[in-house]
N, C-alpha and C. Protein backbone atom coordinates (compact mmCIF):
# COMPACT_ATOMS: atom_id res chain seq x y z
N MET A 1 -8.87 7.59 1.48
CA MET A 1 -7.77 9.13 1.09
C MET A 1 -7.03 8.71 2.86
N ALA A 2 -5.88 8.42 3.51
CA ALA A 2 -5.01 8.38 4.23
C ALA A 2 -4.97 9.74 4.97
N LEU A 3 -5.01 9.66 6.61
CA LEU A 3 -4.76 10.62 7.33
C LEU A 3 -3.47 11.62 7.27
N VAL A 4 -3.19 10.40 7.34
CA VAL A 4 -1.45 10.74 7.60
C VAL A 4 -0.70 9.96 6.34
N PRO A 5 0.33 11.13 5.60
CA PRO A 5 0.36 10.60 4.42
C PRO A 5 1.84 9.68 4.66
N ILE A 6 1.74 9.23 3.24
CA ILE A 6 2.90 7.99 3.26
C ILE A 6 3.63 8.64 2.82
N LEU A 7 5.28 8.41 3.05
CA LEU A 7 6.37 9.32 2.92
C LEU A 7 7.01 8.45 2.12
N SER A 8 7.68 9.10 0.50
CA SER A 8 8.13 8.53 -0.19
C SER A 8 9.71 8.47 0.27
N ASP A 9 10.45 7.22 -0.69
CA ASP A 9 11.87 7.44 -0.27
C ASP A 9 12.08 8.50 -0.20
N GLU A 10 12.19 9.45 -1.35
CA GLU A 10 12.58 11.01 -1.80
C GLU A 10 12.17 11.90 0.05
N ALA A 11 11.04 11.79 0.75
CA ALA A 11 10.64 13.01 1.57
C ALA A 11 10.51 12.16 3.09
N ALA A 12 11.79 10.99 2.87
CA ALA A 12 11.44 10.40 3.94
C ALA A 12 13.34 10.98 5.13
N SER A 13 13.15 11.04 5.86
CA SER A 13 14.01 11.97 6.92
C SER A 13 14.89 10.92 6.37
N PRO A 14 16.17 10.98 7.20
CA PRO A 14 17.76 10.13 6.36
C PRO A 14 17.64 8.78 7.85
N ASP A 15 17.49 8.88 8.71
CA ASP A 15 17.07 7.66 9.50
C ASP A 15 15.82 6.94 8.80
N ALA A 16 15.07 7.71 8.27
CA ALA A 16 14.10 6.35 7.94
C ALA A 16 14.48 5.64 6.80
N ARG A 17 15.51 6.61 5.93
CA ARG A 17 15.70 6.05 5.08
C ARG A 17 16.96 4.48 4.85
N ILE A 18 17.31 5.05 6.39
CA ILE A 18 18.50 3.40 6.40
C ILE A 18 17.08 2.18 7.03
N MET A 19 15.64 2.86 7.42
CA MET A 19 14.65 1.64 7.92
C MET A 19 14.65 1.31 6.42
N TYR A 20 14.05 1.87 5.68
CA TYR A 20 13.43 1.72 4.68
C TYR A 20 14.45 0.71 3.41
N LYS A 21 16.00 1.41 3.78
CA LYS A 21 16.89 0.06 3.14
C LYS A 21 16.85 -1.15 4.08
N HIS A 22 16.67 -1.08 5.22
CA HIS A 22 16.79 -2.42 5.50
C HIS A 22 15.58 -3.29 4.72
N SER A 23 14.91 -2.92 5.41
CA SER A 23 13.19 -3.17 4.90
C SER A 23 13.62 -3.82 3.78
N LYS A 24 13.91 -3.10 2.49
CA LYS A 24 13.77 -3.82 1.55
C LYS A 24 14.67 -5.07 0.80
N GLN A 25 15.87 -4.99 2.25
CA GLN A 25 17.04 -5.97 2.10
C GLN A 25 16.58 -7.26 2.41
N MET A 26 15.34 -7.07 3.61
CA MET A 26 14.85 -8.21 4.13
C MET A 26 13.24 -8.78 4.32
N PHE A 27 12.93 -8.00 3.26
CA PHE A 27 11.51 -8.71 2.74
C PHE A 27 11.23 -7.84 1.16
N GLY A 28 12.20 -6.93 0.37
CA GLY A 28 12.07 -7.21 -0.80
C GLY A 28 11.18 -5.22 -1.27
N ARG A 29 10.84 -5.24 0.27
CA ARG A 29 9.61 -3.59 -0.15
C ARG A 29 9.56 -3.13 1.41
N VAL A 30 8.69 -1.84 1.58
CA VAL A 30 8.88 -1.29 2.79
C VAL A 30 6.96 -0.85 2.89
N ALA A 31 6.48 -1.32 3.59
CA ALA A 31 5.46 -1.45 4.07
C ALA A 31 4.82 0.00 4.55
N ASN A 32 3.89 0.10 4.07
CA ASN A 32 3.21 1.17 4.33
C ASN A 32 2.79 1.79 5.91
N ALA A 33 2.65 0.57 6.41
CA ALA A 33 2.76 0.89 8.43
C ALA A 33 4.02 1.54 8.71
N MET A 34 5.27 0.73 7.99
CA MET A 34 6.90 1.92 7.88
C MET A 34 7.05 2.90 7.77
N ARG A 35 6.04 3.11 6.48
CA ARG A 35 6.02 4.37 5.95
C ARG A 35 5.31 5.79 6.61
N VAL A 36 4.05 5.24 7.13
CA VAL A 36 3.36 6.67 7.99
C VAL A 36 4.03 6.45 9.27
N ALA A 37 4.53 5.27 9.69
CA ALA A 37 5.13 5.66 10.94
C ALA A 37 6.64 6.51 11.17
N SER A 38 7.16 6.32 10.00
CA SER A 38 8.34 7.28 9.60
C SER A 38 8.49 8.99 9.48
N HIS A 39 7.14 9.33 10.47
CA HIS A 39 7.17 10.77 10.74
C HIS A 39 7.71 10.63 11.76
N SER A 40 7.77 9.95 12.73
CA SER A 40 8.00 10.02 13.97
C SER A 40 8.85 8.77 14.34
N PRO A 41 10.57 9.07 13.64
CA PRO A 41 11.41 7.99 14.19
C PRO A 41 11.37 6.89 15.20
N LYS A 42 11.16 7.26 16.25
CA LYS A 42 11.55 6.53 17.59
C LYS A 42 9.61 5.69 17.39
N LEU A 43 8.85 6.09 16.73
CA LEU A 43 7.96 5.15 16.79
C LEU A 43 8.34 3.97 15.43
N ALA A 44 8.74 4.86 14.24
CA ALA A 44 9.16 3.52 12.92
C ALA A 44 9.56 2.61 13.57
N GLN A 45 10.92 3.49 14.91
CA GLN A 45 12.22 1.93 14.50
C GLN A 45 11.08 0.62 15.58
N SER A 46 10.43 1.31 16.11
CA SER A 46 9.50 -0.05 17.10
C SER A 46 8.35 -0.84 16.17
N ILE A 47 8.05 -0.27 15.45
CA ILE A 47 7.45 -1.14 14.76
C ILE A 47 8.52 -1.53 13.42
N PHE A 48 9.90 -1.44 13.32
CA PHE A 48 10.52 -1.67 12.04
C PHE A 48 10.57 -3.52 13.35
N GLY A 49 11.40 -2.89 14.72
CA GLY A 49 11.27 -3.73 15.18
C GLY A 49 10.74 -4.86 15.07
N PHE A 50 9.31 -5.20 15.88
CA PHE A 50 8.19 -5.87 15.70
C PHE A 50 7.58 -6.16 14.62
N ILE A 51 8.16 -5.80 13.32
CA ILE A 51 8.27 -6.71 12.00
C ILE A 51 9.06 -7.74 12.27
N VAL A 52 10.26 -6.85 12.15
CA VAL A 52 11.58 -8.19 11.94
C VAL A 52 11.39 -9.46 12.75
N ALA A 53 11.41 -9.07 14.15
CA ALA A 53 11.19 -10.41 15.38
C ALA A 53 9.96 -11.11 15.09
N SER A 54 8.39 -10.37 13.98
CA SER A 54 7.05 -11.40 14.18
C SER A 54 7.36 -12.43 12.65
N LEU A 55 8.45 -11.33 11.94
CA LEU A 55 8.27 -12.22 10.56
C LEU A 55 9.69 -13.93 10.68
N ARG A 56 10.76 -13.03 10.61
CA ARG A 56 11.72 -13.77 10.31
C ARG A 56 11.80 -15.27 10.86
N GLU A 57 12.12 -16.14 10.19
CA GLU A 57 12.35 -17.18 10.79
C GLU A 57 14.07 -18.03 11.27
N GLU A 58 14.30 -16.94 11.69
CA GLU A 58 15.77 -17.13 12.43
C GLU A 58 15.81 -17.07 13.34
N ILE A 59 14.75 -15.79 13.48
CA ILE A 59 14.61 -15.31 15.34
C ILE A 59 13.80 -16.19 15.80
N THR A 60 12.70 -16.02 15.29
CA THR A 60 11.23 -16.69 15.78
C THR A 60 11.44 -18.45 15.09
N GLY A 61 11.35 -19.22 15.04
CA GLY A 61 12.33 -20.40 14.71
C GLY A 61 10.78 -21.58 14.52
N VAL A 62 9.49 -20.91 14.59
CA VAL A 62 8.75 -21.89 14.59
C VAL A 62 7.42 -22.03 13.29
N LEU A 63 7.22 -20.87 12.37
CA LEU A 63 7.02 -20.64 11.47
C LEU A 63 7.97 -20.25 10.42
N ASP A 64 7.55 -20.83 9.08
CA ASP A 64 8.48 -20.18 8.34
C ASP A 64 7.43 -18.85 7.69
N VAL A 65 8.35 -18.26 6.77
CA VAL A 65 7.66 -16.82 6.39
C VAL A 65 5.96 -16.89 6.11
N ARG A 66 6.47 -17.88 4.59
CA ARG A 66 4.65 -18.21 4.37
C ARG A 66 3.50 -17.80 5.22
N VAL A 67 3.27 -18.72 6.27
CA VAL A 67 2.62 -18.99 6.97
C VAL A 67 2.05 -17.98 8.02
N LYS A 68 3.14 -17.55 7.94
CA LYS A 68 3.27 -16.39 9.03
C LYS A 68 2.28 -15.38 8.07
N THR A 69 2.62 -15.01 7.02
CA THR A 69 1.98 -13.73 6.00
C THR A 69 0.64 -14.97 5.54
N LEU A 70 0.31 -15.88 5.12
CA LEU A 70 -0.71 -15.99 5.37
C LEU A 70 -1.62 -15.36 6.43
N VAL A 71 -1.22 -16.52 7.52
CA VAL A 71 -1.88 -15.96 8.92
C VAL A 71 -2.43 -14.55 9.41
N ILE A 72 -1.30 -13.30 8.66
CA ILE A 72 -1.61 -11.89 8.76
C ILE A 72 -2.55 -11.49 7.72
N LEU A 73 -3.17 -12.40 6.04
CA LEU A 73 -3.75 -12.02 5.62
C LEU A 73 -5.22 -12.96 5.95
N LYS A 74 -5.00 -13.76 7.39
CA LYS A 74 -6.54 -14.07 7.08
C LYS A 74 -6.90 -13.14 8.11
N THR A 75 -6.11 -13.04 9.43
CA THR A 75 -6.80 -12.34 10.32
C THR A 75 -7.37 -11.29 10.45
N SER A 76 -6.81 -10.47 8.55
CA SER A 76 -7.14 -9.51 8.40
C SER A 76 -9.09 -9.18 7.37
N MET A 77 -8.68 -10.69 6.77
CA MET A 77 -9.79 -10.69 6.58
C MET A 77 -10.98 -10.59 6.98
N LEU A 78 -10.83 -11.43 8.26
CA LEU A 78 -11.46 -12.30 9.02
C LEU A 78 -12.60 -10.47 9.92
N ASN A 79 -10.79 -9.81 9.50
CA ASN A 79 -11.28 -8.23 10.56
C ASN A 79 -11.92 -7.59 9.85
N GLY A 80 -12.02 -7.39 8.89
CA GLY A 80 -12.50 -6.74 7.63
C GLY A 80 -11.94 -5.08 6.83
N CYS A 81 -10.48 -5.85 8.01
CA CYS A 81 -9.31 -4.84 7.19
C CYS A 81 -9.22 -5.32 5.40
N ARG A 82 -9.78 -3.68 4.80
CA ARG A 82 -9.04 -3.62 3.31
C ARG A 82 -8.21 -3.40 2.76
N TYR A 83 -6.89 -3.41 3.90
CA TYR A 83 -5.30 -3.45 3.44
C TYR A 83 -4.93 -4.67 2.97
């Protein structure tokens, strides 16, 4: 069980809903890290900026999104992350 609750779309603040909307447009979903960070809008904006910068091909231009996602998954597995 999470120590900090994951905010649903309905429970999110108006600012968080805007980030949720953009996250869904770009990635097809809202990451749980974004939902938890939405308790603090400034923190959520920083995390969202990092996610966009690290995953979008047109920004980084080095690796495609599929490879980046596989790297994230492999790193999580190597570190014993259950998420």
